[in-house]
PDB file of N, CA and C in Angstrom:
ATOM      1  N   MET A   1     -38.110  22.350 -20.708  1.00  0.00           N
ATOM      2  CA  MET A   1     -37.375  22.865 -19.575  1.00  0.00           C
ATOM      3  C   MET A   1     -37.382  24.387 -19.632  1.00  0.00           C
ATOM      4  N   GLY A   2     -37.420  25.048 -18.470  1.00  0.00           N
ATOM      5  CA  GLY A   2     -37.487  26.496 -18.406  1.00  0.00           C
ATOM      6  C   GLY A   2     -36.153  27.161 -18.669  1.00  0.00           C
ATOM      7  N   LEU A   3     -36.188  28.472 -18.572  1.00  0.00           N
ATOM      8  CA  LEU A   3     -34.973  29.259 -18.755  1.00  0.00           C
ATOM      9  C   LEU A   3     -33.965  28.974 -17.654  1.00  0.00           C
ATOM     10  N   THR A   4     -32.698  29.082 -17.978  1.00  0.00           N
ATOM     11  CA  THR A   4     -31.686  29.033 -16.936  1.00  0.00           C
ATOM     12  C   THR A   4     -31.821  30.308 -16.122  1.00  0.00           C
ATOM     13  N   VAL A   5     -31.249  30.330 -14.937  1.00  0.00           N
ATOM     14  CA  VAL A   5     -31.304  31.524 -14.104  1.00  0.00           C
ATOM     15  C   VAL A   5     -30.674  32.696 -14.838  1.00  0.00           C
ATOM     16  N   ALA A   6     -29.535  32.462 -15.485  1.00  0.00           N
ATOM     17  CA  ALA A   6     -28.857  33.552 -16.201  1.00  0.00           C
ATOM     18  C   ALA A   6     -29.756  34.151 -17.269  1.00  0.00           C
ATOM     19  N   ALA A   7     -30.458  33.336 -18.029  1.00  0.00           N
ATOM     20  CA  ALA A   7     -31.351  33.841 -19.077  1.00  0.00           C
ATOM     21  C   ALA A   7     -32.556  34.549 -18.484  1.00  0.00           C
ATOM     22  N   ALA A   8     -33.056  34.062 -17.373  1.00  0.00           N
ATOM     23  CA  ALA A   8     -34.230  34.659 -16.750  1.00  0.00           C
ATOM     24  C   ALA A   8     -33.952  36.057 -16.220  1.00  0.00           C
ATOM     25  N   TYR A   9     -32.713  36.335 -15.875  1.00  0.00           N
ATOM     26  CA  TYR A   9     -32.358  37.632 -15.303  1.00  0.00           C
ATOM     27  C   TYR A   9     -31.453  38.431 -16.236  1.00  0.00           C
ATOM     28  N   ASP A  10     -31.587  38.189 -17.526  1.00  0.00           N
ATOM     29  CA  ASP A  10     -30.731  38.842 -18.505  1.00  0.00           C
ATOM     30  C   ASP A  10     -30.971  40.344 -18.608  1.00  0.00           C
ATOM     31  N   ASP A  11     -32.127  40.815 -18.128  1.00  0.00           N
ATOM     32  CA  ASP A  11     -32.467  42.232 -18.220  1.00  0.00           C
ATOM     33  C   ASP A  11     -32.111  42.971 -16.933  1.00  0.00           C
ATOM     34  N   ARG A  12     -31.025  42.581 -16.290  1.00  0.00           N
ATOM     35  CA  ARG A  12     -30.630  43.155 -15.010  1.00  0.00           C
ATOM     36  C   ARG A  12     -30.602  44.673 -15.039  1.00  0.00           C
ATOM     37  N   MET A  13     -31.149  45.281 -13.996  1.00  0.00           N
ATOM     38  CA  MET A  13     -31.166  46.736 -13.862  1.00  0.00           C
ATOM     39  C   MET A  13     -30.564  47.084 -12.510  1.00  0.00           C
ATOM     40  N   VAL A  14     -30.739  48.315 -12.078  1.00  0.00           N
ATOM     41  CA  VAL A  14     -30.271  48.735 -10.768  1.00  0.00           C
ATOM     42  C   VAL A  14     -31.405  49.442 -10.037  1.00  0.00           C
ATOM     43  N   GLY A  15     -31.271  49.559  -8.714  1.00  0.00           N
ATOM     44  CA  GLY A  15     -32.234  50.306  -7.922  1.00  0.00           C
ATOM     45  C   GLY A  15     -33.219  49.421  -7.178  1.00  0.00           C
ATOM     46  N   THR A  16     -33.971  50.057  -6.278  1.00  0.00           N
ATOM     47  CA  THR A  16     -34.915  49.326  -5.425  1.00  0.00           C
ATOM     48  C   THR A  16     -36.019  48.664  -6.237  1.00  0.00           C
ATOM     49  N   GLU A  17     -36.540  49.345  -7.243  1.00  0.00           N
ATOM     50  CA  GLU A  17     -37.589  48.745  -8.074  1.00  0.00           C
ATOM     51  C   GLU A  17     -37.047  47.534  -8.821  1.00  0.00           C
ATOM     52  N   ALA A  18     -35.817  47.617  -9.301  1.00  0.00           N
ATOM     53  CA  ALA A  18     -35.190  46.477  -9.969  1.00  0.00           C
ATOM     54  C   ALA A  18     -35.019  45.314  -8.995  1.00  0.00           C
ATOM     55  N   LEU A  19     -34.630  45.619  -7.756  1.00  0.00           N
ATOM     56  CA  LEU A  19     -34.487  44.586  -6.729  1.00  0.00           C
ATOM     57  C   LEU A  19     -35.826  43.921  -6.459  1.00  0.00           C
ATOM     58  N   ARG A  20     -36.883  44.733  -6.313  1.00  0.00           N
ATOM     59  CA  ARG A  20     -38.220  44.191  -6.064  1.00  0.00           C
ATOM     60  C   ARG A  20     -38.641  43.262  -7.208  1.00  0.00           C
ATOM     61  N   GLN A  21     -38.430  43.706  -8.446  1.00  0.00           N
ATOM     62  CA  GLN A  21     -38.806  42.894  -9.607  1.00  0.00           C
ATOM     63  C   GLN A  21     -38.015  41.590  -9.664  1.00  0.00           C
ATOM     64  N   ALA A  22     -36.712  41.662  -9.383  1.00  0.00           N
ATOM     65  CA  ALA A  22     -35.874  40.463  -9.420  1.00  0.00           C
ATOM     66  C   ALA A  22     -36.309  39.459  -8.347  1.00  0.00           C
ATOM     67  N   LEU A  23     -36.606  39.960  -7.139  1.00  0.00           N
ATOM     68  CA  LEU A  23     -37.041  39.069  -6.060  1.00  0.00           C
ATOM     69  C   LEU A  23     -38.421  38.491  -6.341  1.00  0.00           C
ATOM     70  N   GLU A  24     -39.272  39.277  -6.974  1.00  0.00           N
ATOM     71  CA  GLU A  24     -40.593  38.781  -7.362  1.00  0.00           C
ATOM     72  C   GLU A  24     -40.446  37.637  -8.369  1.00  0.00           C
ATOM     73  N   ARG A  25     -39.534  37.806  -9.312  1.00  0.00           N
ATOM     74  CA  ARG A  25     -39.273  36.759 -10.300  1.00  0.00           C
ATOM     75  C   ARG A  25     -38.713  35.509  -9.616  1.00  0.00           C
ATOM     76  N   CYS A  26     -37.835  35.713  -8.626  1.00  0.00           N
ATOM     77  CA  CYS A  26     -37.295  34.577  -7.865  1.00  0.00           C
ATOM     78  C   CYS A  26     -38.408  33.824  -7.154  1.00  0.00           C
ATOM     79  N   ALA A  27     -39.330  34.559  -6.561  1.00  0.00           N
ATOM     80  CA  ALA A  27     -40.451  33.928  -5.850  1.00  0.00           C
ATOM     81  C   ALA A  27     -41.304  33.113  -6.824  1.00  0.00           C
ATOM     82  N   GLU A  28     -41.554  33.663  -7.994  1.00  0.00           N
ATOM     83  CA  GLU A  28     -42.361  32.950  -8.996  1.00  0.00           C
ATOM     84  C   GLU A  28     -41.654  31.696  -9.489  1.00  0.00           C
ATOM     85  N   ARG A  29     -40.342  31.770  -9.678  1.00  0.00           N
ATOM     86  CA  ARG A  29     -39.562  30.656 -10.212  1.00  0.00           C
ATOM     87  C   ARG A  29     -39.090  29.686  -9.120  1.00  0.00           C
ATOM     88  N   VAL A  30     -39.223  30.070  -7.856  1.00  0.00           N
ATOM     89  CA  VAL A  30     -38.736  29.308  -6.711  1.00  0.00           C
ATOM     90  C   VAL A  30     -37.220  29.094  -6.811  1.00  0.00           C
ATOM     91  N   ASP A  31     -36.518  30.159  -7.204  1.00  0.00           N
ATOM     92  CA  ASP A  31     -35.059  30.110  -7.278  1.00  0.00           C
ATOM     93  C   ASP A  31     -34.460  30.269  -5.886  1.00  0.00           C
ATOM     94  N   LYS A  32     -33.412  29.501  -5.610  1.00  0.00           N
ATOM     95  CA  LYS A  32     -32.658  29.695  -4.369  1.00  0.00           C
ATOM     96  C   LYS A  32     -31.878  30.992  -4.502  1.00  0.00           C
ATOM     97  N   ILE A  33     -31.931  31.821  -3.466  1.00  0.00           N
ATOM     98  CA  ILE A  33     -31.241  33.106  -3.517  1.00  0.00           C
ATOM     99  C   ILE A  33     -30.334  33.283  -2.312  1.00  0.00           C
ATOM    100  N   GLY A  34     -29.394  34.180  -2.472  1.00  0.00           N
ATOM    101  CA  GLY A  34     -28.506  34.554  -1.382  1.00  0.00           C
ATOM    102  C   GLY A  34     -28.245  36.044  -1.449  1.00  0.00           C
ATOM    103  N   PHE A  35     -28.048  36.663  -0.297  1.00  0.00           N
ATOM    104  CA  PHE A  35     -27.679  38.075  -0.265  1.00  0.00           C
ATOM    105  C   PHE A  35     -27.093  38.416   1.090  1.00  0.00           C
ATOM    106  N   THR A  36     -26.511  39.604   1.161  1.00  0.00           N
ATOM    107  CA  THR A  36     -25.951  40.119   2.403  1.00  0.00           C
ATOM    108  C   THR A  36     -26.842  41.252   2.902  1.00  0.00           C
ATOM    109  N   PHE A  37     -27.138  41.219   4.199  1.00  0.00           N
ATOM    110  CA  PHE A  37     -27.868  42.323   4.815  1.00  0.00           C
ATOM    111  C   PHE A  37     -26.925  43.511   4.976  1.00  0.00           C
ATOM    112  N   GLN A  38     -27.477  44.706   5.104  1.00  0.00           N
ATOM    113  CA  GLN A  38     -26.670  45.906   5.323  1.00  0.00           C
ATOM    114  C   GLN A  38     -25.805  45.773   6.578  1.00  0.00           C
ATOM    115  N   ASP A  39     -26.269  44.985   7.571  1.00  0.00           N
ATOM    116  CA  ASP A  39     -25.499  44.829   8.815  1.00  0.00           C
ATOM    117  C   ASP A  39     -24.450  43.716   8.734  1.00  0.00           C
ATOM    118  N   GLY A  40     -24.293  43.103   7.548  1.00  0.00           N
ATOM    119  CA  GLY A  40     -23.255  42.097   7.359  1.00  0.00           C
ATOM    120  C   GLY A  40     -23.714  40.655   7.474  1.00  0.00           C
ATOM    121  N   ARG A  41     -24.919  40.407   7.999  1.00  0.00           N
ATOM    122  CA  ARG A  41     -25.423  39.027   8.069  1.00  0.00           C
ATOM    123  C   ARG A  41     -25.684  38.502   6.661  1.00  0.00           C
ATOM    124  N   GLU A  42     -25.646  37.194   6.514  1.00  0.00           N
ATOM    125  CA  GLU A  42     -25.866  36.551   5.223  1.00  0.00           C
ATOM    126  C   GLU A  42     -27.207  35.827   5.220  1.00  0.00           C
ATOM    127  N   PHE A  43     -27.869  35.812   4.058  1.00  0.00           N
ATOM    128  CA  PHE A  43     -29.116  35.063   3.895  1.00  0.00           C
ATOM    129  C   PHE A  43     -28.940  34.051   2.781  1.00  0.00           C
ATOM    130  N   LEU A  44     -29.485  32.843   2.979  1.00  0.00           N
ATOM    131  CA  LEU A  44     -29.535  31.816   1.952  1.00  0.00           C
ATOM    132  C   LEU A  44     -30.889  31.133   2.077  1.00  0.00           C
ATOM    133  N   GLY A  45     -31.645  31.115   1.000  1.00  0.00           N
ATOM    134  CA  GLY A  45     -32.968  30.494   1.047  1.00  0.00           C
ATOM    135  C   GLY A  45     -33.795  30.886  -0.169  1.00  0.00           C
ATOM    136  N   TRP A  46     -35.073  31.235   0.077  1.00  0.00           N
ATOM    137  CA  TRP A  46     -35.999  31.526  -1.003  1.00  0.00           C
ATOM    138  C   TRP A  46     -36.818  32.765  -0.672  1.00  0.00           C
ATOM    139  N   ALA A  47     -37.212  33.501  -1.710  1.00  0.00           N
ATOM    140  CA  ALA A  47     -38.177  34.591  -1.567  1.00  0.00           C
ATOM    141  C   ALA A  47     -39.552  33.962  -1.767  1.00  0.00           C
ATOM    142  N   THR A  48     -40.453  34.182  -0.817  1.00  0.00           N
ATOM    143  CA  THR A  48     -41.776  33.568  -0.931  1.00  0.00           C
ATOM    144  C   THR A  48     -42.892  34.587  -1.113  1.00  0.00           C
ATOM    145  N   GLY A  49     -42.575  35.854  -0.968  1.00  0.00           N
ATOM    146  CA  GLY A  49     -43.547  36.913  -1.183  1.00  0.00           C
ATOM    147  C   GLY A  49     -42.820  38.242  -1.297  1.00  0.00           C
ATOM    148  N   VAL A  50     -43.394  39.170  -2.042  1.00  0.00           N
ATOM    149  CA  VAL A  50     -42.756  40.464  -2.252  1.00  0.00           C
ATOM    150  C   VAL A  50     -43.826  41.560  -2.244  1.00  0.00           C
ATOM    151  N   THR A  51     -43.526  42.659  -1.549  1.00  0.00           N
ATOM    152  CA  THR A  51     -44.368  43.847  -1.596  1.00  0.00           C
ATOM    153  C   THR A  51     -43.533  44.972  -2.201  1.00  0.00           C
ATOM    154  N   ALA A  52     -44.074  46.171  -2.216  1.00  0.00           N
ATOM    155  CA  ALA A  52     -43.340  47.315  -2.769  1.00  0.00           C
ATOM    156  C   ALA A  52     -42.089  47.646  -1.960  1.00  0.00           C
ATOM    157  N   THR A  53     -42.076  47.268  -0.663  1.00  0.00           N
ATOM    158  CA  THR A  53     -40.964  47.672   0.206  1.00  0.00           C
ATOM    159  C   THR A  53     -40.274  46.534   0.938  1.00  0.00           C
ATOM    160  N   ALA A  54     -40.764  45.298   0.789  1.00  0.00           N
ATOM    161  CA  ALA A  54     -40.197  44.191   1.581  1.00  0.00           C
ATOM    162  C   ALA A  54     -40.317  42.863   0.833  1.00  0.00           C
ATOM    163  N   VAL A  55     -39.534  41.892   1.296  1.00  0.00           N
ATOM    164  CA  VAL A  55     -39.583  40.542   0.754  1.00  0.00           C
ATOM    165  C   VAL A  55     -39.758  39.573   1.926  1.00  0.00           C
ATOM    166  N   LEU A  56     -40.622  38.575   1.739  1.00  0.00           N
ATOM    167  CA  LEU A  56     -40.794  37.510   2.723  1.00  0.00           C
ATOM    168  C   LEU A  56     -39.804  36.412   2.361  1.00  0.00           C
ATOM    169  N   VAL A  57     -38.886  36.112   3.289  1.00  0.00           N
ATOM    170  CA  VAL A  57     -37.850  35.127   3.000  1.00  0.00           C
ATOM    171  C   VAL A  57     -38.045  33.870   3.834  1.00  0.00           C
ATOM    172  N   SER A  58     -37.707  32.761   3.227  1.00  0.00           N
ATOM    173  CA  SER A  58     -37.733  31.453   3.869  1.00  0.00           C
ATOM    174  C   SER A  58     -36.294  30.951   3.893  1.00  0.00           C
ATOM    175  N   TRP A  59     -35.753  30.813   5.083  1.00  0.00           N
ATOM    176  CA  TRP A  59     -34.348  30.422   5.242  1.00  0.00           C
ATOM    177  C   TRP A  59     -34.138  28.968   4.837  1.00  0.00           C
ATOM    178  N   ALA A  60     -32.976  28.683   4.255  1.00  0.00           N
ATOM    179  CA  ALA A  60     -32.596  27.310   3.916  1.00  0.00           C
ATOM    180  C   ALA A  60     -32.330  26.531   5.208  1.00  0.00           C
ATOM    181  N   PRO A  61     -32.651  25.243   5.221  1.00  0.00           N
ATOM    182  CA  PRO A  61     -32.362  24.424   6.398  1.00  0.00           C
ATOM    183  C   PRO A  61     -30.863  24.433   6.717  1.00  0.00           C
ATOM    184  N   SER A  62     -30.547  24.423   8.011  1.00  0.00           N
ATOM    185  CA  SER A  62     -29.151  24.473   8.440  1.00  0.00           C
ATOM    186  C   SER A  62     -28.928  23.549   9.630  1.00  0.00           C
ATOM    187  N   PRO A  63     -27.960  22.631   9.518  1.00  0.00           N
ATOM    188  CA  PRO A  63     -27.655  21.772  10.664  1.00  0.00           C
ATOM    189  C   PRO A  63     -27.145  22.580  11.856  1.00  0.00           C
ATOM    190  N   LEU A  64     -26.499  23.718  11.608  1.00  0.00           N
ATOM    191  CA  LEU A  64     -26.024  24.562  12.709  1.00  0.00           C
ATOM    192  C   LEU A  64     -27.201  25.160  13.473  1.00  0.00           C
ATOM    193  N   TYR A  65     -28.241  25.579  12.743  1.00  0.00           N
ATOM    194  CA  TYR A  65     -29.437  26.122  13.403  1.00  0.00           C
ATOM    195  C   TYR A  65     -30.139  25.008  14.192  1.00  0.00           C
ATOM    196  N   ALA A  66     -30.193  23.821  13.604  1.00  0.00           N
ATOM    197  CA  ALA A  66     -30.817  22.690  14.295  1.00  0.00           C
ATOM    198  C   ALA A  66     -30.075  22.372  15.580  1.00  0.00           C
ATOM    199  N   GLN A  67     -28.755  22.414  15.530  1.00  0.00           N
ATOM    200  CA  GLN A  67     -27.953  22.141  16.719  1.00  0.00           C
ATOM    201  C   GLN A  67     -28.210  23.211  17.787  1.00  0.00           C
ATOM    202  N   ALA A  68     -28.299  24.471  17.358  1.00  0.00           N
ATOM    203  CA  ALA A  68     -28.520  25.568  18.306  1.00  0.00           C
ATOM    204  C   ALA A  68     -29.901  25.517  18.945  1.00  0.00           C
ATOM    205  N   THR A  69     -30.862  24.905  18.248  1.00  0.00           N
ATOM    206  CA  THR A  69     -32.219  24.806  18.800  1.00  0.00           C
ATOM    207  C   THR A  69     -32.499  23.421  19.374  1.00  0.00           C
ATOM    208  N   GLY A  70     -31.458  22.627  19.550  1.00  0.00           N
ATOM    209  CA  GLY A  70     -31.647  21.289  20.098  1.00  0.00           C
ATOM    210  C   GLY A  70     -32.424  20.373  19.171  1.00  0.00           C
ATOM    211  N   GLY A  71     -32.357  20.653  17.872  1.00  0.00           N
ATOM    212  CA  GLY A  71     -33.055  19.825  16.889  1.00  0.00           C
ATOM    213  C   GLY A  71     -34.520  20.164  16.731  1.00  0.00           C
ATOM    214  N   ALA A  72     -34.996  21.186  17.434  1.00  0.00           N
ATOM    215  CA  ALA A  72     -36.412  21.557  17.364  1.00  0.00           C
ATOM    216  C   ALA A  72     -36.779  22.163  16.010  1.00  0.00           C
ATOM    217  N   ALA A  73     -35.834  22.812  15.358  1.00  0.00           N
ATOM    218  CA  ALA A  73     -36.099  23.437  14.057  1.00  0.00           C
ATOM    219  C   ALA A  73     -34.816  23.438  13.237  1.00  0.00           C
ATOM    220  N   TRP A  74     -34.972  23.296  11.931  1.00  0.00           N
ATOM    221  CA  TRP A  74     -33.814  23.291  11.038  1.00  0.00           C
ATOM    222  C   TRP A  74     -33.558  24.642  10.409  1.00  0.00           C
ATOM    223  N   GLU A  75     -34.505  25.562  10.498  1.00  0.00           N
ATOM    224  CA  GLU A  75     -34.327  26.892   9.948  1.00  0.00           C
ATOM    225  C   GLU A  75     -35.204  27.877  10.709  1.00  0.00           C
ATOM    226  N   PRO A  76     -34.810  29.157  10.724  1.00  0.00           N
ATOM    227  CA  PRO A  76     -35.659  30.162  11.363  1.00  0.00           C
ATOM    228  C   PRO A  76     -36.996  30.260  10.619  1.00  0.00           C
ATOM    229  N   GLU A  77     -37.993  30.807  11.289  1.00  0.00           N
ATOM    230  CA  GLU A  77     -39.283  31.003  10.637  1.00  0.00           C
ATOM    231  C   GLU A  77     -39.156  32.051   9.544  1.00  0.00           C
ATOM    232  N   GLU A  78     -40.088  32.019   8.600  1.00  0.00           N
ATOM    233  CA  GLU A  78     -40.093  33.036   7.551  1.00  0.00           C
ATOM    234  C   GLU A  78     -40.145  34.419   8.181  1.00  0.00           C
ATOM    235  N   GLN A  79     -39.542  35.385   7.509  1.00  0.00           N
ATOM    236  CA  GLN A  79     -39.568  36.737   8.046  1.00  0.00           C
ATOM    237  C   GLN A  79     -39.612  37.745   6.910  1.00  0.00           C
ATOM    238  N   TRP A  80     -40.233  38.896   7.190  1.00  0.00           N
ATOM    239  CA  TRP A  80     -40.249  39.998   6.246  1.00  0.00           C
ATOM    240  C   TRP A  80     -38.962  40.789   6.397  1.00  0.00           C
ATOM    241  N   VAL A  81     -38.336  41.112   5.269  1.00  0.00           N
ATOM    242  CA  VAL A  81     -37.099  41.876   5.247  1.00  0.00           C
ATOM    243  C   VAL A  81     -37.336  43.107   4.377  1.00  0.00           C
ATOM    244  N   SER A  82     -37.013  44.275   4.895  1.00  0.00           N
ATOM    245  CA  SER A  82     -37.122  45.503   4.119  1.00  0.00           C
ATOM    246  C   SER A  82     -36.110  45.464   2.970  1.00  0.00           C
ATOM    247  N   LEU A  83     -36.524  45.891   1.798  1.00  0.00           N
ATOM    248  CA  LEU A  83     -35.606  45.942   0.658  1.00  0.00           C
ATOM    249  C   LEU A  83     -34.420  46.850   0.957  1.00  0.00           C
ATOM    250  N   ALA A  84     -34.643  47.870   1.780  1.00  0.00           N
ATOM    251  CA  ALA A  84     -33.568  48.798   2.145  1.00  0.00           C
ATOM    252  C   ALA A  84     -32.503  48.125   3.002  1.00  0.00           C
ATOM    253  N   ASP A  85     -32.829  46.992   3.646  1.00  0.00           N
ATOM    254  CA  ASP A  85     -31.870  46.275   4.493  1.00  0.00           C
ATOM    255  C   ASP A  85     -30.979  45.308   3.718  1.00  0.00           C
ATOM    256  N   ILE A  86     -31.169  45.218   2.396  1.00  0.00           N
ATOM    257  CA  ILE A  86     -30.421  44.281   1.555  1.00  0.00           C
ATOM    258  C   ILE A  86     -29.334  45.032   0.786  1.00  0.00           C
ATOM    259  N   THR A  87     -28.122  44.514   0.825  1.00  0.00           N
ATOM    260  CA  THR A  87     -27.036  45.070   0.009  1.00  0.00           C
ATOM    261  C   THR A  87     -27.300  44.625  -1.423  1.00  0.00           C
ATOM    262  N   GLN A  88     -27.720  45.566  -2.255  1.00  0.00           N
ATOM    263  CA  GLN A  88     -28.231  45.213  -3.578  1.00  0.00           C
ATOM    264  C   GLN A  88     -27.236  44.481  -4.470  1.00  0.00           C
ATOM    265  N   ASP A  89     -25.970  44.856  -4.431  1.00  0.00           N
ATOM    266  CA  ASP A  89     -25.014  44.193  -5.327  1.00  0.00           C
ATOM    267  C   ASP A  89     -24.610  42.802  -4.850  1.00  0.00           C
ATOM    268  N   SER A  90     -25.164  42.354  -3.727  1.00  0.00           N
ATOM    269  CA  SER A  90     -24.854  41.014  -3.226  1.00  0.00           C
ATOM    270  C   SER A  90     -25.906  39.981  -3.621  1.00  0.00           C
ATOM    271  N   VAL A  91     -27.042  40.413  -4.159  1.00  0.00           N
ATOM    272  CA  VAL A  91     -28.171  39.511  -4.429  1.00  0.00           C
ATOM    273  C   VAL A  91     -27.858  38.640  -5.642  1.00  0.00           C
ATOM    274  N   ALA A  92     -27.997  37.315  -5.442  1.00  0.00           N
ATOM    275  CA  ALA A  92     -27.737  36.353  -6.517  1.00  0.00           C
ATOM    276  C   ALA A  92     -28.702  35.184  -6.403  1.00  0.00           C
ATOM    277  N   ALA A  93     -28.927  34.526  -7.531  1.00  0.00           N
ATOM    278  CA  ALA A  93     -29.750  33.313  -7.562  1.00  0.00           C
ATOM    279  C   ALA A  93     -28.874  32.160  -8.030  1.00  0.00           C
ATOM    280  N   TYR A  94     -29.166  30.967  -7.510  1.00  0.00           N
ATOM    281  CA  TYR A  94     -28.367  29.804  -7.879  1.00  0.00           C
ATOM    282  C   TYR A  94     -28.925  29.170  -9.139  1.00  0.00           C
ATOM    283  N   ASP A  95     -28.072  29.003 -10.144  1.00  0.00           N
ATOM    284  CA  ASP A  95     -28.459  28.371 -11.401  1.00  0.00           C
ATOM    285  C   ASP A  95     -28.069  26.901 -11.319  1.00  0.00           C
ATOM    286  N   GLU A  96     -29.071  26.050 -11.122  1.00  0.00           N
ATOM    287  CA  GLU A  96     -28.815  24.617 -10.942  1.00  0.00           C
ATOM    288  C   GLU A  96     -28.216  23.978 -12.199  1.00  0.00           C
ATOM    289  N   SER A  97     -28.611  24.472 -13.381  1.00  0.00           N
ATOM    290  CA  SER A  97     -28.109  23.859 -14.610  1.00  0.00           C
ATOM    291  C   SER A  97     -26.631  24.177 -14.837  1.00  0.00           C
ATOM    292  N   ASP A  98     -26.207  25.388 -14.444  1.00  0.00           N
ATOM    293  CA  ASP A  98     -24.800  25.772 -14.606  1.00  0.00           C
ATOM    294  C   ASP A  98     -23.995  25.605 -13.318  1.00  0.00           C
ATOM    295  N   ARG A  99     -24.683  25.281 -12.217  1.00  0.00           N
ATOM    296  CA  ARG A  99     -24.060  25.115 -10.907  1.00  0.00           C
ATOM    297  C   ARG A  99     -23.210  26.328 -10.530  1.00  0.00           C
ATOM    298  N   ARG A 100     -23.865  27.516 -10.590  1.00  0.00           N
ATOM    299  CA  ARG A 100     -23.173  28.749 -10.216  1.00  0.00           C
ATOM    300  C   ARG A 100     -24.191  29.781  -9.750  1.00  0.00           C
ATOM    301  N   TRP A 101     -23.687  30.766  -9.021  1.00  0.00           N
ATOM    302  CA  TRP A 101     -24.508  31.881  -8.565  1.00  0.00           C
ATOM    303  C   TRP A 101     -24.503  32.967  -9.631  1.00  0.00           C
ATOM    304  N   VAL A 102     -25.681  33.494  -9.926  1.00  0.00           N
ATOM    305  CA  VAL A 102     -25.848  34.525 -10.947  1.00  0.00           C
ATOM    306  C   VAL A 102     -26.310  35.823 -10.263  1.00  0.00           C
ATOM    307  N   PRO A 103     -25.538  36.903 -10.394  1.00  0.00           N
ATOM    308  CA  PRO A 103     -25.977  38.189  -9.804  1.00  0.00           C
ATOM    309  C   PRO A 103     -27.288  38.635 -10.449  1.00  0.00           C
ATOM    310  N   LEU A 104     -28.192  39.160  -9.623  1.00  0.00           N
ATOM    311  CA  LEU A 104     -29.497  39.570 -10.146  1.00  0.00           C
ATOM    312  C   LEU A 104     -29.542  41.018 -10.587  1.00  0.00           C
ATOM    313  N   LEU A 105     -28.640  41.834 -10.066  1.00  0.00           N
ATOM    314  CA  LEU A 105     -28.618  43.247 -10.403  1.00  0.00           C
ATOM    315  C   LEU A 105     -27.244  43.634 -10.899  1.00  0.00           C
ATOM    316  N   ARG A 106     -27.204  44.607 -11.771  1.00  0.00           N
ATOM    317  CA  ARG A 106     -25.908  45.117 -12.215  1.00  0.00           C
ATOM    318  C   ARG A 106     -25.261  45.897 -11.101  1.00  0.00           C
ATOM    319  N   ALA A 107     -23.965  45.806 -11.015  1.00  0.00           N
ATOM    320  CA  ALA A 107     -23.228  46.547  -9.967  1.00  0.00           C
ATOM    321  C   ALA A 107     -23.143  48.004 -10.318  1.00  0.00           C
TER     322      ALA A 107
END
């Protein structure tokens, strides 16, 4: 069995490069992540790709989204999000073994 989320992110740092590295690790591990956008919106889903300045996110399925689209889709399409649009101290990954959210960056 692999590392727990907490162990995988034990080297938490700060800054945009640290955020990029943490999200890249999430994409490799397929960890469920959550964060708050600078404008206050919330994200829950997965990081599926990372560049130097952005992350490709895949939203978690939502019955509310399905209801709003008449059942045509359960989640919005993947989208690129600028790292600058993410509130860094809000980024966390879900640790399934401990059933808790683990912050990815130091505050």
